[in-house]
Amino acid sequence: MTASGLTSVVTDWLATLDAGDRGHAIFDFEDPERVVWAYTPGERAGLALRDMRPEQRSAAMGVVTAAMSERGAREVVGIVALESILGAIEREQGRAGWERRDPELYWFAVFGDPATSGPWSWRVGGHHIAIQMTLIGDRVIASAPSFLGSNPAVVPSGPSKGARVLTGEEGLARELLLGLSPEARAIAVVDPVAPPDILSGHGARADVRKIPVGIRYDELERAGRATLERLIRYYLGRAADEVAVADWERVAGLGLGAITFAWAGPTEPGRGHYYAVRGERFLIEYDNTQNGANHIHAVWRDLENDWGEDLLAAHYRSAHRA
């Protein structure tokens, strides 16, 4: 995916909208709504899948395909499909509010005008999905915040029993943890009890005050370092390849030595657990404690460039000098 390709598919989607739809879907780039995100159920600003005609839905999901890697797009589609499964589970349990589990309750929005040379962004949001891209001209300058979640993490029954949408987030972290020596694991495991959710919140800026530290990259053996790198790149790899490569270059450009990995909770599978990977300019958080440790929240934040703020500032400074 190139920036021009993403611009093209977003423009194609917008072309399917009538004036009323565009009033819901399009915002000024400077609108405060641009930096609003959430991962819980509930209404979002934008145009919902439920309010789109079939050709509009197809074009909207084409944007997901263009913006994300093949794996990332597949995960988004899988998370949307889980809403029907979750609704059926909660209905069978007699749980109130199961009706809110609806695969059509995902909202698409565009901020700014893709047809101009100025900055603009696109996002999709709903339960367990908060994905956005910010662009200037022929560059994707930001792909964070990036949140994906899964409930259930593993489908417990029915025709899809055993299916899992998100896999590498737990698998790679557990591989790293279990590969540590007892001494290194004692440093990495910061608490025998996992927190009930991610700690950085869902504000426009990540709150890192409670993020645990754990063990440093430069304290790991070679295999551990390689696994930690794979874990970081797995999160970045939600986005299309060229975006993920650029994000990795920004992460690695500051050096990897001070990056930390911290785990909280038991090490046995099936029990509530949490981890955080923190660098000078980024944060990854993962939590799987709810619903009997069968409910994943996984986010990556760029502490300097969420919403493209760092590169936008550089762009505006350059434009002002010109």
Protein backbone atom coordinates (compact mmCIF):
# COMPACT_ATOMS: atom_id res chain seq x y z
CA MET A 1 0.00 0.00 0.00
CA THR A 2 1.25 3.47 -0.88
CA ALA A 3 -0.10 6.75 0.40
CA SER A 4 -1.45 7.44 -3.07
CA GLY A 5 -3.19 4.06 -3.02
CA LEU A 6 -4.83 4.80 0.31
CA THR A 7 -5.84 8.24 -0.92
CA SER A 8 -7.43 6.62 -3.96
CA VAL A 9 -9.52 4.07 -2.05
CA VAL A 10 -10.67 6.65 0.51
CA THR A 11 -11.65 8.97 -2.34
CA ASP A 12 -13.52 6.09 -3.99
CA TRP A 13 -15.43 5.42 -0.75
CA LEU A 14 -16.31 9.08 -0.32
CA ALA A 15 -17.59 9.17 -3.90
CA THR A 16 -20.25 6.57 -2.98
CA LEU A 17 -21.71 8.84 -0.28
CA ASP A 18 -24.55 11.28 -0.74
CA ALA A 19 -24.59 14.69 0.92
CA GLY A 20 -26.20 13.38 4.10
CA ASP A 21 -23.72 10.54 4.45
CA ARG A 22 -20.80 12.90 3.85
CA GLY A 23 -22.08 15.11 6.64
CA HIS A 24 -21.59 12.20 9.03
CA ALA A 25 -18.36 10.88 7.56
CA ILE A 26 -16.24 14.00 6.93
CA PHE A 27 -14.74 16.34 9.54
CA ASP A 28 -12.30 19.22 9.45
CA PHE A 29 -8.76 18.06 10.08
CA GLU A 30 -8.51 20.33 13.12
CA ASP A 31 -11.76 19.03 14.63
CA PRO A 32 -11.08 17.80 18.21
CA GLU A 33 -12.88 14.59 17.28
CA ARG A 34 -9.79 13.53 15.31
CA VAL A 35 -7.95 12.57 18.51
CA VAL A 36 -10.91 10.86 20.19
CA TRP A 37 -10.82 7.08 20.38
CA ALA A 38 -12.26 4.26 22.47
CA TYR A 39 -12.34 0.47 22.47
CA THR A 40 -15.50 -0.17 24.49
CA PRO A 41 -18.95 -0.68 22.93
CA GLY A 42 -20.84 2.49 22.11
CA GLU A 43 -21.57 5.12 19.49
CA ARG A 44 -18.76 6.77 17.58
CA ALA A 45 -18.66 9.82 15.34
CA GLY A 46 -18.62 8.95 11.66
CA LEU A 47 -20.70 6.82 9.32
CA ALA A 48 -21.60 3.36 10.61
CA LEU A 49 -21.64 0.21 8.52
CA ARG A 50 -25.32 -0.17 9.46
CA ASP A 51 -26.05 3.10 7.66
CA MET A 52 -24.20 2.20 4.45
CA ARG A 53 -25.52 0.59 1.31
CA PRO A 54 -23.78 -2.62 0.22
CA GLU A 55 -21.50 -0.87 -2.26
CA GLN A 56 -20.55 1.68 0.40
CA ARG A 57 -19.70 -1.06 2.87
CA SER A 58 -17.58 -2.81 0.28
CA ALA A 59 -15.70 0.43 -0.45
CA ALA A 60 -15.26 1.14 3.27
CA MET A 61 -13.77 -2.30 3.90
CA GLY A 62 -11.56 -1.73 0.87
CA VAL A 63 -9.98 1.11 2.81
CA VAL A 64 -9.17 -1.34 5.63
CA THR A 65 -7.54 -3.66 3.11
CA ALA A 66 -5.45 -0.82 1.65
CA ALA A 67 -4.38 0.67 4.98
CA MET A 68 -3.43 -2.54 6.73
CA SER A 69 -1.32 -5.61 6.10
CA GLU A 70 -3.04 -8.77 4.94
CA ARG A 71 -2.89 -10.04 8.52
CA GLY A 72 -4.11 -6.78 10.01
CA ALA A 73 -7.07 -6.53 7.65
CA ARG A 74 -7.96 -10.15 8.39
CA GLU A 75 -7.89 -9.42 12.12
CA VAL A 76 -10.20 -6.43 11.73
CA VAL A 77 -12.69 -8.54 9.78
CA GLY A 78 -12.41 -11.29 12.39
CA ILE A 79 -13.01 -8.91 15.30
CA VAL A 80 -16.12 -7.53 13.59
CA ALA A 81 -17.41 -11.09 13.10
CA LEU A 82 -16.83 -11.87 16.79
CA GLU A 83 -19.58 -9.43 17.73
CA SER A 84 -22.24 -11.90 16.56
CA ILE A 85 -20.54 -14.73 18.46
CA LEU A 86 -20.23 -12.63 21.61
CA GLY A 87 -23.87 -11.59 21.36
CA ALA A 88 -24.96 -15.22 21.11
CA ILE A 89 -22.81 -16.18 24.11
CA GLU A 90 -24.22 -13.37 26.25
CA ARG A 91 -27.78 -14.10 25.16
CA GLU A 92 -27.37 -17.75 26.14
CA GLN A 93 -26.00 -16.63 29.50
CA GLY A 94 -29.03 -14.39 30.02
CA ARG A 95 -26.83 -11.33 30.17
CA ALA A 96 -28.55 -7.97 29.74
CA GLY A 97 -27.43 -5.80 26.86
CA TRP A 98 -26.40 -8.59 24.53
CA GLU A 99 -28.18 -6.74 21.70
CA ARG A 100 -25.39 -4.15 21.56
CA ARG A 101 -23.07 -6.78 20.09
CA ASP A 102 -23.60 -5.85 16.46
CA PRO A 103 -21.14 -6.29 13.58
CA GLU A 104 -22.65 -3.25 11.88
CA LEU A 105 -21.67 -0.89 14.71
CA TYR A 106 -18.32 0.22 13.31
CA TRP A 107 -17.87 3.80 12.23
CA PHE A 108 -15.70 5.22 9.44
CA ALA A 109 -14.55 8.83 9.34
CA VAL A 110 -12.25 11.11 7.32
CA PHE A 111 -10.62 14.25 8.70
CA GLY A 112 -9.51 16.81 6.16
CA ASP A 113 -9.61 16.50 2.38
CA PRO A 114 -7.69 13.69 0.64
CA ALA A 115 -7.90 15.66 -2.60
CA THR A 116 -5.58 18.40 -1.33
CA SER A 117 -1.88 18.45 -0.48
CA GLY A 118 -2.64 19.20 3.15
CA PRO A 119 -2.78 16.72 6.03
CA TRP A 120 -5.73 14.40 6.40
CA SER A 121 -6.57 11.23 8.25
CA TRP A 122 -8.87 8.22 8.15
CA ARG A 123 -10.12 6.02 10.95
CA VAL A 124 -12.37 3.11 11.75
CA GLY A 125 -13.67 2.58 15.27
CA GLY A 126 -16.05 0.42 17.23
CA HIS A 127 -15.92 -2.28 19.88
CA HIS A 128 -12.31 -3.54 20.07
CA ILE A 129 -11.18 -1.65 16.96
CA ALA A 130 -9.50 1.76 16.89
CA ILE A 131 -7.36 2.15 13.78
CA GLN A 132 -6.29 5.38 12.10
CA MET A 133 -3.82 6.67 9.53
CA THR A 134 -2.58 10.24 9.10
CA LEU A 135 -1.17 11.39 5.76
CA ILE A 136 0.55 14.36 4.19
CA GLY A 137 0.94 14.30 0.43
CA ASP A 138 2.58 11.02 -0.56
CA ARG A 139 3.45 9.94 2.99
CA VAL A 140 1.66 8.06 5.74
CA ILE A 141 3.08 9.93 8.73
CA ALA A 142 1.28 8.07 11.54
CA SER A 143 -0.46 4.77 12.19
CA ALA A 144 -0.94 5.16 15.94
CA PRO A 145 -2.83 4.85 18.19
CA SER A 146 -3.58 1.31 17.05
CA PHE A 147 -5.89 -0.83 19.16
CA LEU A 148 -7.29 -4.30 18.51
CA GLY A 149 -9.13 -6.50 20.98
CA SER A 150 -10.86 -9.85 20.98
CA ASN A 151 -13.76 -11.18 23.05
CA PRO A 152 -13.73 -14.10 23.16
CA ALA A 153 -10.03 -14.53 22.62
CA VAL A 154 -10.74 -18.20 21.88
CA VAL A 155 -14.27 -19.10 20.82
CA PRO A 156 -15.48 -21.52 23.51
CA SER A 157 -18.30 -23.33 21.70
CA GLY A 158 -20.42 -23.55 18.58
CA PRO A 159 -19.42 -23.98 14.93
CA SER A 160 -16.33 -21.77 15.39
CA LYS A 161 -15.13 -23.46 18.59
CA GLY A 162 -11.40 -22.98 19.08
CA ALA A 163 -11.11 -20.11 16.59
CA ARG A 164 -8.80 -17.28 17.58
CA VAL A 165 -8.51 -13.88 15.86
CA LEU A 166 -5.47 -12.48 17.70
CA THR A 167 -2.60 -14.91 18.14
CA GLY A 168 0.91 -13.44 17.98
CA GLU A 169 0.39 -10.86 20.70
CA GLU A 170 0.24 -13.57 23.36
CA GLY A 171 2.30 -16.22 21.61
CA LEU A 172 5.42 -14.11 21.06
CA ALA A 173 5.30 -12.54 24.52
CA ARG A 174 4.93 -15.93 26.16
CA GLU A 175 7.80 -17.28 24.05
CA LEU A 176 9.97 -14.41 25.28
CA LEU A 177 8.97 -14.87 28.91
CA LEU A 178 9.41 -18.63 29.01
CA GLY A 179 12.77 -18.40 27.27
CA LEU A 180 14.24 -16.28 30.06
CA SER A 181 16.54 -17.67 32.69
CA PRO A 182 15.05 -17.81 36.20
CA GLU A 183 17.11 -14.75 37.14
CA ALA A 184 15.96 -12.75 34.12
CA ARG A 185 12.35 -13.84 34.58
CA ALA A 186 12.44 -12.60 38.15
CA ILE A 187 13.24 -9.14 36.75
CA ALA A 188 10.67 -9.29 33.95
CA VAL A 189 7.73 -10.43 36.10
CA VAL A 190 6.86 -7.30 38.06
CA ASP A 191 3.67 -8.46 39.79
CA PRO A 192 2.03 -11.84 40.45
CA VAL A 193 -1.35 -10.24 39.69
CA ALA A 194 -2.22 -8.66 36.33
CA PRO A 195 -4.05 -5.32 36.23
CA PRO A 196 -7.68 -5.53 35.08
CA ASP A 197 -7.02 -3.62 31.84
CA ILE A 198 -4.36 -1.67 29.96
CA LEU A 199 -2.95 1.11 32.11
CA SER A 200 -2.29 3.86 29.57
CA GLY A 201 -5.97 4.68 29.07
CA HIS A 202 -7.59 5.95 25.90
CA GLY A 203 -6.81 9.64 26.04
CA ALA A 204 -5.37 11.59 23.16
CA ARG A 205 -2.02 11.18 24.93
CA ALA A 206 -0.98 7.90 26.50
CA ASP A 207 -0.65 8.00 30.28
CA VAL A 208 2.61 6.17 30.99
CA ARG A 209 2.92 6.93 34.72
CA LYS A 210 1.80 3.45 35.81
CA ILE A 211 3.52 1.44 33.10
CA PRO A 212 5.88 -1.14 34.68
CA VAL A 213 9.50 -1.40 33.57
CA GLY A 214 10.68 -5.00 33.90
CA ILE A 215 13.79 -6.16 32.05
CA ARG A 216 15.80 -4.18 29.51
CA TYR A 217 16.55 -5.32 25.99
CA ASP A 218 20.28 -5.09 26.65
CA GLU A 219 19.88 -7.43 29.66
CA LEU A 220 18.45 -10.18 27.46
CA GLU A 221 20.33 -13.01 25.79
CA ARG A 222 20.51 -12.98 22.00
CA ALA A 223 17.42 -15.18 21.56
CA GLY A 224 15.40 -13.01 23.92
CA ARG A 225 16.41 -9.87 22.06
CA ALA A 226 15.35 -11.40 18.77
CA THR A 227 11.97 -12.42 20.19
CA LEU A 228 11.38 -8.98 21.67
CA GLU A 229 12.11 -7.42 18.29
CA ARG A 230 9.68 -9.83 16.64
CA LEU A 231 7.01 -8.90 19.19
CA ILE A 232 7.42 -5.17 18.55
CA ARG A 233 7.37 -5.66 14.80
CA TYR A 234 4.27 -7.84 15.11
CA TYR A 235 2.33 -4.89 16.52
CA LEU A 236 3.70 -2.51 13.91
CA GLY A 237 2.87 -5.11 11.27
CA ARG A 238 -0.83 -4.48 11.63
CA ALA A 239 -0.27 -1.67 9.14
CA ALA A 240 0.68 -2.13 5.50
CA ASP A 241 4.28 -3.18 4.95
CA GLU A 242 5.79 0.17 3.99
CA VAL A 243 4.13 1.85 6.97
CA ALA A 244 5.34 -0.88 9.32
CA VAL A 245 8.89 -0.55 7.97
CA ALA A 246 8.88 3.22 8.51
CA ASP A 247 7.51 2.79 12.04
CA TRP A 248 10.22 0.22 12.85
CA GLU A 249 12.93 2.55 11.55
CA ARG A 250 11.70 5.26 13.90
CA VAL A 251 11.62 2.82 16.83
CA ALA A 252 15.02 1.28 16.10
CA GLY A 253 16.62 4.58 15.17
CA LEU A 254 16.83 5.60 18.81
CA GLY A 255 18.49 2.31 19.76
CA LEU A 256 16.93 -0.76 21.28
CA GLY A 257 19.02 -1.16 24.43
CA ALA A 258 16.74 0.72 26.81
CA ILE A 259 13.48 -0.88 25.62
CA THR A 260 11.87 -2.82 28.47
CA PHE A 261 9.57 -5.83 28.76
CA ALA A 262 7.42 -6.29 31.85
CA TRP A 263 4.96 -9.10 32.64
CA ALA A 264 2.31 -9.22 35.36
CA GLY A 265 0.27 -12.22 36.40
CA PRO A 266 0.89 -15.98 36.35
CA THR A 267 2.98 -17.48 33.57
CA GLU A 268 0.64 -20.43 32.95
CA PRO A 269 -1.66 -20.19 29.90
CA GLY A 270 -5.32 -19.61 30.62
CA ARG A 271 -4.75 -17.33 33.61
CA GLY A 272 -5.07 -13.56 33.63
CA HIS A 273 -1.92 -11.86 32.40
CA TYR A 274 -0.57 -8.52 31.20
CA TYR A 275 2.58 -7.19 29.63
CA ALA A 276 4.06 -3.90 28.51
CA VAL A 277 6.89 -3.11 26.10
CA ARG A 278 8.15 0.42 26.49
CA GLY A 279 10.72 2.42 24.57
CA GLU A 280 11.73 6.04 24.58
CA ARG A 281 9.09 6.91 22.01
CA PHE A 282 6.60 4.05 21.97
CA LEU A 283 4.44 1.85 24.19
CA ILE A 284 2.86 -1.55 23.65
CA GLU A 285 0.34 -2.86 26.17
CA TYR A 286 -1.52 -6.15 26.29
CA ASP A 287 -4.06 -7.38 28.82
CA ASN A 288 -6.02 -10.62 28.98
CA THR A 289 -7.75 -10.84 32.33
CA GLN A 290 -11.48 -10.38 31.75
CA ASN A 291 -14.03 -13.11 31.07
CA GLY A 292 -11.86 -15.78 32.63
CA ALA A 293 -8.73 -14.61 30.81
CA ASN A 294 -10.45 -14.97 27.44
CA HIS A 295 -10.68 -11.30 26.47
CA ILE A 296 -7.74 -9.49 24.84
CA HIS A 297 -6.89 -5.79 24.70
CA ALA A 298 -3.75 -4.90 22.74
CA VAL A 299 -2.56 -1.39 21.85
CA TRP A 300 0.49 0.36 20.46
CA ARG A 301 1.09 4.06 20.99
CA ASP A 302 3.71 6.34 19.50
CA LEU A 303 4.53 8.57 22.45
CA GLU A 304 5.86 11.33 20.20
CA ASN A 305 3.84 10.85 17.02
CA ASP A 306 0.35 9.61 17.94
CA TRP A 307 -2.04 11.21 15.42
CA GLY A 308 1.03 12.35 13.48
CA GLU A 309 1.61 15.22 15.89
CA ASP A 310 5.41 15.13 15.76
CA LEU A 311 5.69 14.95 11.99
CA LEU A 312 2.81 17.41 11.56
CA ALA A 313 4.71 19.93 13.68
CA ALA A 314 7.78 19.45 11.49
CA HIS A 315 5.63 19.88 8.39
CA TYR A 316 4.12 23.11 9.65
CA ARG A 317 7.55 24.48 10.62
CA SER A 318 8.87 23.71 7.16
CA ALA A 319 5.84 25.28 5.48
CA HIS A 320 6.23 28.39 7.61
CA ARG A 321 9.89 28.79 6.61
CA ALA A 322 8.92 28.42 2.96
